[in-house]
Amino acid sequence: MSATDFFNSECRQCPRLAAFLDSVKQKHPDYYARPVPAFGVSEPELLIVGLAPGMHGANASGRPFTGDYAGILLYEALFAFGYSNYSESKSADDGLILSRCRITNAVKCLPPDNKPTGVEVRQCNHYLAAEINALSEQVVILALGSIAHQAVLRALELKLSAFKFAHNKIHILAPGRVLIDSYHCSRYNVNTKRLTVEMFHQVFKSIKKLQNDRK
């Protein structure tokens, strides 16, 4: 298996996304504006799967959930539960280091209006599949939102109908393989109180219990 099975910074397999990134790069020449790689350790205990890079976040910084609103709650929680040395992620060179954790996305490129098509999610899924299958089955997978949840199931070639998305729901996918869901930590979900700090931290408490039970 080659490195490009996991990630390809030059990928242009989705014409709409490739063209959109080209236009964004013209308007914002200082933005990263390419497929965004995963961030974190090579052998994590926790793999966090988001949806896609945000326009002024990961698409600008080149690091998942860095520089946008969605990263505020996530990195605060990662710090609170011992996965990060800082509670904020401002830029790709801010010195933030993750431990025991990696963050990736179901779709590696910025989509228009933050909404990838179903075809684009499926087209990008082989990267997520390679990434997950290269990890230990003991890794806890956290899906942020229903699209990420479905992308994980597709990556593992599982039926979507067999595992319904629900906040703080634990899914036993196979012996040793566990998926847990959370509402996405987006500005909309936080502002509407669909996802609160307490709710998000409860997910991480569930993850901590899962990991402790395996020791």
C-alpha atoms as a PDB file:
ATOM      1  CA  MET A   1       0.000   0.000   0.000  1.00  0.00           C
ATOM      2  CA  SER A   2       1.484   3.354  -1.030  1.00  0.00           C
ATOM      3  CA  ALA A   3       1.321   6.697   0.781  1.00  0.00           C
ATOM      4  CA  THR A   4      -1.167   8.005  -1.785  1.00  0.00           C
ATOM      5  CA  ASP A   5      -3.659   5.328  -0.706  1.00  0.00           C
ATOM      6  CA  PHE A   6      -4.028   7.280   2.549  1.00  0.00           C
ATOM      7  CA  PHE A   7      -3.804  10.830   1.207  1.00  0.00           C
ATOM      8  CA  ASN A   8      -2.866  12.686  -1.953  1.00  0.00           C
ATOM      9  CA  SER A   9      -2.282  16.437  -1.715  1.00  0.00           C
ATOM     10  CA  GLU A  10      -2.577  16.679  -5.513  1.00  0.00           C
ATOM     11  CA  CYS A  11      -5.865  14.770  -5.792  1.00  0.00           C
ATOM     12  CA  ARG A  12      -8.318  16.217  -8.335  1.00  0.00           C
ATOM     13  CA  GLN A  13     -10.721  13.293  -8.641  1.00  0.00           C
ATOM     14  CA  CYS A  14     -13.759  15.476  -7.947  1.00  0.00           C
ATOM     15  CA  PRO A  15     -14.018  18.073 -10.765  1.00  0.00           C
ATOM     16  CA  ARG A  16     -16.368  20.412  -8.873  1.00  0.00           C
ATOM     17  CA  LEU A  17     -14.154  20.481  -5.773  1.00  0.00           C
ATOM     18  CA  ALA A  18     -10.941  20.865  -7.784  1.00  0.00           C
ATOM     19  CA  ALA A  19     -12.395  23.819  -9.719  1.00  0.00           C
ATOM     20  CA  PHE A  20     -13.692  25.400  -6.514  1.00  0.00           C
ATOM     21  CA  LEU A  21     -10.277  25.147  -4.849  1.00  0.00           C
ATOM     22  CA  ASP A  22      -8.702  26.774  -7.897  1.00  0.00           C
ATOM     23  CA  SER A  23     -11.104  29.711  -7.602  1.00  0.00           C
ATOM     24  CA  VAL A  24     -10.545  30.011  -3.845  1.00  0.00           C
ATOM     25  CA  LYS A  25      -6.766  30.045  -4.342  1.00  0.00           C
ATOM     26  CA  GLN A  26      -7.137  32.918  -6.803  1.00  0.00           C
ATOM     27  CA  LYS A  27      -9.189  34.947  -4.330  1.00  0.00           C
ATOM     28  CA  HIS A  28      -7.065  33.963  -1.313  1.00  0.00           C
ATOM     29  CA  PRO A  29      -3.517  33.259  -2.559  1.00  0.00           C
ATOM     30  CA  ASP A  30      -2.242  32.895   1.013  1.00  0.00           C
ATOM     31  CA  TYR A  31      -4.719  30.077   1.790  1.00  0.00           C
ATOM     32  CA  TYR A  32      -3.630  26.431   1.794  1.00  0.00           C
ATOM     33  CA  ALA A  33      -6.510  25.570  -0.605  1.00  0.00           C
ATOM     34  CA  ARG A  34      -5.599  21.945  -1.309  1.00  0.00           C
ATOM     35  CA  PRO A  35      -6.710  18.562   0.050  1.00  0.00           C
ATOM     36  CA  VAL A  36      -6.125  18.760   3.817  1.00  0.00           C
ATOM     37  CA  PRO A  37      -4.128  15.948   5.458  1.00  0.00           C
ATOM     38  CA  ALA A  38      -4.943  14.299   8.763  1.00  0.00           C
ATOM     39  CA  PHE A  39      -3.381  15.756  11.918  1.00  0.00           C
ATOM     40  CA  GLY A  40      -2.080  13.840  14.916  1.00  0.00           C
ATOM     41  CA  VAL A  41      -0.182  10.720  15.871  1.00  0.00           C
ATOM     42  CA  SER A  42       0.471   7.800  13.543  1.00  0.00           C
ATOM     43  CA  GLU A  43      -0.928   5.174  15.939  1.00  0.00           C
ATOM     44  CA  PRO A  44      -3.826   6.857  17.740  1.00  0.00           C
ATOM     45  CA  GLU A  45      -6.142   5.540  20.423  1.00  0.00           C
ATOM     46  CA  LEU A  46      -8.817   7.917  19.126  1.00  0.00           C
ATOM     47  CA  LEU A  47      -9.551   8.741  15.470  1.00  0.00           C
ATOM     48  CA  ILE A  48     -11.832  11.748  15.002  1.00  0.00           C
ATOM     49  CA  VAL A  49     -13.608  11.963  11.650  1.00  0.00           C
ATOM     50  CA  GLY A  50     -15.062  15.307  10.618  1.00  0.00           C
ATOM     51  CA  LEU A  51     -16.943  16.267   7.475  1.00  0.00           C
ATOM     52  CA  ALA A  52     -14.681  18.489   5.354  1.00  0.00           C
ATOM     53  CA  PRO A  53     -12.353  21.506   5.638  1.00  0.00           C
ATOM     54  CA  GLY A  54     -13.992  24.860   6.357  1.00  0.00           C
ATOM     55  CA  MET A  55     -13.406  27.832   4.059  1.00  0.00           C
ATOM     56  CA  HIS A  56     -11.544  30.024   6.545  1.00  0.00           C
ATOM     57  CA  GLY A  57     -10.457  27.162   8.798  1.00  0.00           C
ATOM     58  CA  ALA A  58      -8.653  24.056   7.586  1.00  0.00           C
ATOM     59  CA  ASN A  59      -8.831  25.211   3.977  1.00  0.00           C
ATOM     60  CA  ALA A  60      -6.876  28.316   4.990  1.00  0.00           C
ATOM     61  CA  SER A  61      -4.539  26.804   7.588  1.00  0.00           C
ATOM     62  CA  GLY A  62      -3.975  23.328   6.143  1.00  0.00           C
ATOM     63  CA  ARG A  63      -4.815  21.627   9.456  1.00  0.00           C
ATOM     64  CA  PRO A  64      -8.179  20.082  10.413  1.00  0.00           C
ATOM     65  CA  PHE A  65     -10.483  22.306  12.499  1.00  0.00           C
ATOM     66  CA  THR A  66      -7.798  24.991  12.775  1.00  0.00           C
ATOM     67  CA  GLY A  67      -8.787  28.632  12.473  1.00  0.00           C
ATOM     68  CA  ASP A  68     -12.554  28.216  12.302  1.00  0.00           C
ATOM     69  CA  TYR A  69     -15.465  28.185  14.722  1.00  0.00           C
ATOM     70  CA  ALA A  70     -15.944  24.411  14.595  1.00  0.00           C
ATOM     71  CA  GLY A  71     -12.489  23.924  16.083  1.00  0.00           C
ATOM     72  CA  ILE A  72     -13.194  25.923  19.243  1.00  0.00           C
ATOM     73  CA  LEU A  73     -15.252  23.286  21.035  1.00  0.00           C
ATOM     74  CA  LEU A  74     -13.220  20.394  19.627  1.00  0.00           C
ATOM     75  CA  TYR A  75      -9.800  21.586  20.729  1.00  0.00           C
ATOM     76  CA  GLU A  76     -11.111  22.720  24.115  1.00  0.00           C
ATOM     77  CA  ALA A  77     -12.392  19.168  24.666  1.00  0.00           C
ATOM     78  CA  LEU A  78      -9.174  17.568  23.406  1.00  0.00           C
ATOM     79  CA  PHE A  79      -7.194  19.660  25.887  1.00  0.00           C
ATOM     80  CA  ALA A  80      -9.612  18.969  28.740  1.00  0.00           C
ATOM     81  CA  PHE A  81      -9.349  15.214  28.197  1.00  0.00           C
ATOM     82  CA  GLY A  82      -5.589  15.082  27.752  1.00  0.00           C
ATOM     83  CA  TYR A  83      -5.273  14.739  23.985  1.00  0.00           C
ATOM     84  CA  SER A  84      -3.695  18.144  23.314  1.00  0.00           C
ATOM     85  CA  ASN A  85      -1.126  20.472  24.846  1.00  0.00           C
ATOM     86  CA  TYR A  86      -3.194  23.587  24.027  1.00  0.00           C
ATOM     87  CA  SER A  87      -6.896  24.389  24.243  1.00  0.00           C
ATOM     88  CA  GLU A  88      -6.863  26.488  21.050  1.00  0.00           C
ATOM     89  CA  SER A  89      -5.780  25.730  17.487  1.00  0.00           C
ATOM     90  CA  LYS A  90      -4.975  28.984  15.716  1.00  0.00           C
ATOM     91  CA  SER A  91      -2.563  28.063  12.921  1.00  0.00           C
ATOM     92  CA  ALA A  92      -0.592  25.114  11.593  1.00  0.00           C
ATOM     93  CA  ASP A  93       2.590  26.430  13.230  1.00  0.00           C
ATOM     94  CA  ASP A  94       1.202  27.359  16.659  1.00  0.00           C
ATOM     95  CA  GLY A  95       3.003  24.542  18.494  1.00  0.00           C
ATOM     96  CA  LEU A  96      -0.121  22.521  19.223  1.00  0.00           C
ATOM     97  CA  ILE A  97       0.603  18.805  19.538  1.00  0.00           C
ATOM     98  CA  LEU A  98      -1.916  15.980  19.765  1.00  0.00           C
ATOM     99  CA  SER A  99      -1.238  12.862  21.801  1.00  0.00           C
ATOM    100  CA  ARG A 100      -3.021   9.512  21.423  1.00  0.00           C
ATOM    101  CA  CYS A 101      -5.302  11.132  18.855  1.00  0.00           C
ATOM    102  CA  ARG A 102      -5.642  11.908  15.150  1.00  0.00           C
ATOM    103  CA  ILE A 103      -8.141  14.124  13.318  1.00  0.00           C
ATOM    104  CA  THR A 104      -9.164  13.453   9.727  1.00  0.00           C
ATOM    105  CA  ASN A 105     -12.083  14.289   7.430  1.00  0.00           C
ATOM    106  CA  ALA A 106     -14.537  12.279   5.365  1.00  0.00           C
ATOM    107  CA  VAL A 107     -13.910  14.693   2.471  1.00  0.00           C
ATOM    108  CA  LYS A 108     -10.401  16.118   2.159  1.00  0.00           C
ATOM    109  CA  CYS A 109     -11.271  19.204   0.055  1.00  0.00           C
ATOM    110  CA  LEU A 110     -13.333  22.291   0.801  1.00  0.00           C
ATOM    111  CA  PRO A 111     -16.815  21.934  -0.769  1.00  0.00           C
ATOM    112  CA  PRO A 112     -18.924  24.910  -1.884  1.00  0.00           C
ATOM    113  CA  ASP A 113     -21.246  26.037   0.935  1.00  0.00           C
ATOM    114  CA  ASN A 114     -19.634  23.370   3.148  1.00  0.00           C
ATOM    115  CA  LYS A 115     -21.828  20.748   1.450  1.00  0.00           C
ATOM    116  CA  PRO A 116     -20.132  17.929  -0.466  1.00  0.00           C
ATOM    117  CA  THR A 117     -22.351  15.899  -2.759  1.00  0.00           C
ATOM    118  CA  GLY A 118     -22.999  12.228  -2.094  1.00  0.00           C
ATOM    119  CA  VAL A 119     -20.851  11.379  -5.100  1.00  0.00           C
ATOM    120  CA  GLU A 120     -17.959  13.420  -3.689  1.00  0.00           C
ATOM    121  CA  VAL A 121     -18.223  11.780  -0.270  1.00  0.00           C
ATOM    122  CA  ARG A 122     -18.114   8.353  -1.884  1.00  0.00           C
ATOM    123  CA  GLN A 123     -15.300   9.338  -4.258  1.00  0.00           C
ATOM    124  CA  CYS A 124     -13.111  10.373  -1.325  1.00  0.00           C
ATOM    125  CA  ASN A 125     -14.029   7.375   0.801  1.00  0.00           C
ATOM    126  CA  HIS A 126     -11.153   5.176  -0.346  1.00  0.00           C
ATOM    127  CA  TYR A 127      -8.723   7.483   1.473  1.00  0.00           C
ATOM    128  CA  LEU A 128     -10.662   7.138   4.730  1.00  0.00           C
ATOM    129  CA  ALA A 129     -10.932   3.373   4.242  1.00  0.00           C
ATOM    130  CA  ALA A 130      -7.174   3.033   3.812  1.00  0.00           C
ATOM    131  CA  GLU A 131      -6.556   5.207   6.863  1.00  0.00           C
ATOM    132  CA  ILE A 132      -8.939   3.300   9.143  1.00  0.00           C
ATOM    133  CA  ASN A 133      -7.886  -0.154   7.977  1.00  0.00           C
ATOM    134  CA  ALA A 134      -4.239   0.651   8.639  1.00  0.00           C
ATOM    135  CA  LEU A 135      -5.001   1.304  12.315  1.00  0.00           C
ATOM    136  CA  SER A 136      -5.457  -1.104  15.186  1.00  0.00           C
ATOM    137  CA  GLU A 137      -9.007  -2.372  15.653  1.00  0.00           C
ATOM    138  CA  GLN A 138      -8.712  -1.093  19.238  1.00  0.00           C
ATOM    139  CA  VAL A 139      -8.899   2.502  18.011  1.00  0.00           C
ATOM    140  CA  VAL A 140     -12.089   4.282  19.049  1.00  0.00           C
ATOM    141  CA  ILE A 141     -13.563   6.170  16.084  1.00  0.00           C
ATOM    142  CA  LEU A 142     -15.486   9.374  16.806  1.00  0.00           C
ATOM    143  CA  ALA A 143     -17.747  10.584  13.976  1.00  0.00           C
ATOM    144  CA  LEU A 144     -18.688  14.260  14.053  1.00  0.00           C
ATOM    145  CA  GLY A 145     -22.056  14.368  12.339  1.00  0.00           C
ATOM    146  CA  SER A 146     -24.131  11.944  10.305  1.00  0.00           C
ATOM    147  CA  ILE A 147     -22.140  12.283   7.062  1.00  0.00           C
ATOM    148  CA  ALA A 148     -18.912  11.365   8.841  1.00  0.00           C
ATOM    149  CA  HIS A 149     -20.781   8.507  10.539  1.00  0.00           C
ATOM    150  CA  GLN A 150     -21.917   7.148   7.180  1.00  0.00           C
ATOM    151  CA  ALA A 151     -18.466   7.629   5.668  1.00  0.00           C
ATOM    152  CA  VAL A 152     -16.925   5.463   8.394  1.00  0.00           C
ATOM    153  CA  LEU A 153     -19.485   2.722   7.764  1.00  0.00           C
ATOM    154  CA  ARG A 154     -18.818   2.854   4.011  1.00  0.00           C
ATOM    155  CA  ALA A 155     -15.082   2.730   4.627  1.00  0.00           C
ATOM    156  CA  LEU A 156     -15.573  -0.483   6.596  1.00  0.00           C
ATOM    157  CA  GLU A 157     -18.048  -1.843   4.016  1.00  0.00           C
ATOM    158  CA  LEU A 158     -20.905  -1.972   6.515  1.00  0.00           C
ATOM    159  CA  LYS A 159     -24.616  -1.401   5.896  1.00  0.00           C
ATOM    160  CA  LEU A 160     -25.690   2.128   6.748  1.00  0.00           C
ATOM    161  CA  SER A 161     -29.108   0.933   7.869  1.00  0.00           C
ATOM    162  CA  ALA A 162     -27.574  -1.323  10.519  1.00  0.00           C
ATOM    163  CA  PHE A 163     -26.103   1.547  12.546  1.00  0.00           C
ATOM    164  CA  LYS A 164     -28.289   4.615  13.047  1.00  0.00           C
ATOM    165  CA  PHE A 165     -26.625   7.915  13.894  1.00  0.00           C
ATOM    166  CA  ALA A 166     -27.409   9.343  17.345  1.00  0.00           C
ATOM    167  CA  HIS A 167     -25.513  11.676  19.627  1.00  0.00           C
ATOM    168  CA  ASN A 168     -23.298   9.841  22.144  1.00  0.00           C
ATOM    169  CA  LYS A 169     -24.374   6.523  20.652  1.00  0.00           C
ATOM    170  CA  ILE A 170     -21.815   3.700  20.813  1.00  0.00           C
ATOM    171  CA  HIS A 171     -21.810   1.258  17.904  1.00  0.00           C
ATOM    172  CA  ILE A 172     -20.022  -2.078  18.127  1.00  0.00           C
ATOM    173  CA  LEU A 173     -19.062  -2.574  14.485  1.00  0.00           C
ATOM    174  CA  ALA A 174     -17.043  -5.760  14.961  1.00  0.00           C
ATOM    175  CA  PRO A 175     -15.112  -7.438  17.760  1.00  0.00           C
ATOM    176  CA  GLY A 176     -12.742  -4.695  18.874  1.00  0.00           C
ATOM    177  CA  ARG A 177     -14.035  -2.077  16.407  1.00  0.00           C
ATOM    178  CA  VAL A 178     -16.076   0.727  18.005  1.00  0.00           C
ATOM    179  CA  LEU A 179     -17.677   3.868  16.580  1.00  0.00           C
ATOM    180  CA  ILE A 180     -19.183   6.634  18.693  1.00  0.00           C
ATOM    181  CA  ASP A 181     -21.257   9.510  17.324  1.00  0.00           C
ATOM    182  CA  SER A 182     -21.510  13.181  18.178  1.00  0.00           C
ATOM    183  CA  TYR A 183     -23.358  16.070  16.669  1.00  0.00           C
ATOM    184  CA  HIS A 184     -20.895  18.125  14.654  1.00  0.00           C
ATOM    185  CA  CYS A 185     -19.318  20.992  16.607  1.00  0.00           C
ATOM    186  CA  SER A 186     -20.376  23.535  13.981  1.00  0.00           C
ATOM    187  CA  ARG A 187     -21.303  27.144  14.697  1.00  0.00           C
ATOM    188  CA  TYR A 188     -24.953  26.369  13.885  1.00  0.00           C
ATOM    189  CA  ASN A 189     -25.183  23.391  16.255  1.00  0.00           C
ATOM    190  CA  VAL A 190     -23.443  25.262  19.079  1.00  0.00           C
ATOM    191  CA  ASN A 191     -25.431  28.483  18.664  1.00  0.00           C
ATOM    192  CA  THR A 192     -28.759  26.649  18.531  1.00  0.00           C
ATOM    193  CA  LYS A 193     -27.760  24.562  21.590  1.00  0.00           C
ATOM    194  CA  ARG A 194     -28.204  21.361  19.651  1.00  0.00           C
ATOM    195  CA  LEU A 195     -24.696  20.652  20.934  1.00  0.00           C
ATOM    196  CA  THR A 196     -23.562  22.089  24.262  1.00  0.00           C
ATOM    197  CA  VAL A 197     -20.195  21.866  25.993  1.00  0.00           C
ATOM    198  CA  GLU A 198     -21.690  19.425  28.474  1.00  0.00           C
ATOM    199  CA  MET A 199     -23.075  17.208  25.709  1.00  0.00           C
ATOM    200  CA  PHE A 200     -19.766  17.194  23.869  1.00  0.00           C
ATOM    201  CA  HIS A 201     -17.794  16.428  27.006  1.00  0.00           C
ATOM    202  CA  GLN A 202     -20.153  13.560  27.756  1.00  0.00           C
ATOM    203  CA  VAL A 203     -19.054  11.965  24.470  1.00  0.00           C
ATOM    204  CA  PHE A 204     -15.427  12.208  25.563  1.00  0.00           C
ATOM    205  CA  LYS A 205     -16.333  10.697  28.931  1.00  0.00           C
ATOM    206  CA  SER A 206     -17.870   7.772  27.032  1.00  0.00           C
ATOM    207  CA  ILE A 207     -14.681   7.457  24.995  1.00  0.00           C
ATOM    208  CA  LYS A 208     -12.566   7.497  28.151  1.00  0.00           C
ATOM    209  CA  LYS A 209     -14.671   4.719  29.655  1.00  0.00           C
ATOM    210  CA  LEU A 210     -14.383   2.643  26.481  1.00  0.00           C
ATOM    211  CA  GLN A 211     -10.625   3.025  26.500  1.00  0.00           C
ATOM    212  CA  ASN A 212     -10.316   2.257  30.211  1.00  0.00           C
ATOM    213  CA  ASP A 213     -12.430  -0.868  29.822  1.00  0.00           C
ATOM    214  CA  ARG A 214      -9.965  -2.159  27.214  1.00  0.00           C
ATOM    215  CA  LYS A 215      -6.934  -1.832  29.469  1.00  0.00           C
END
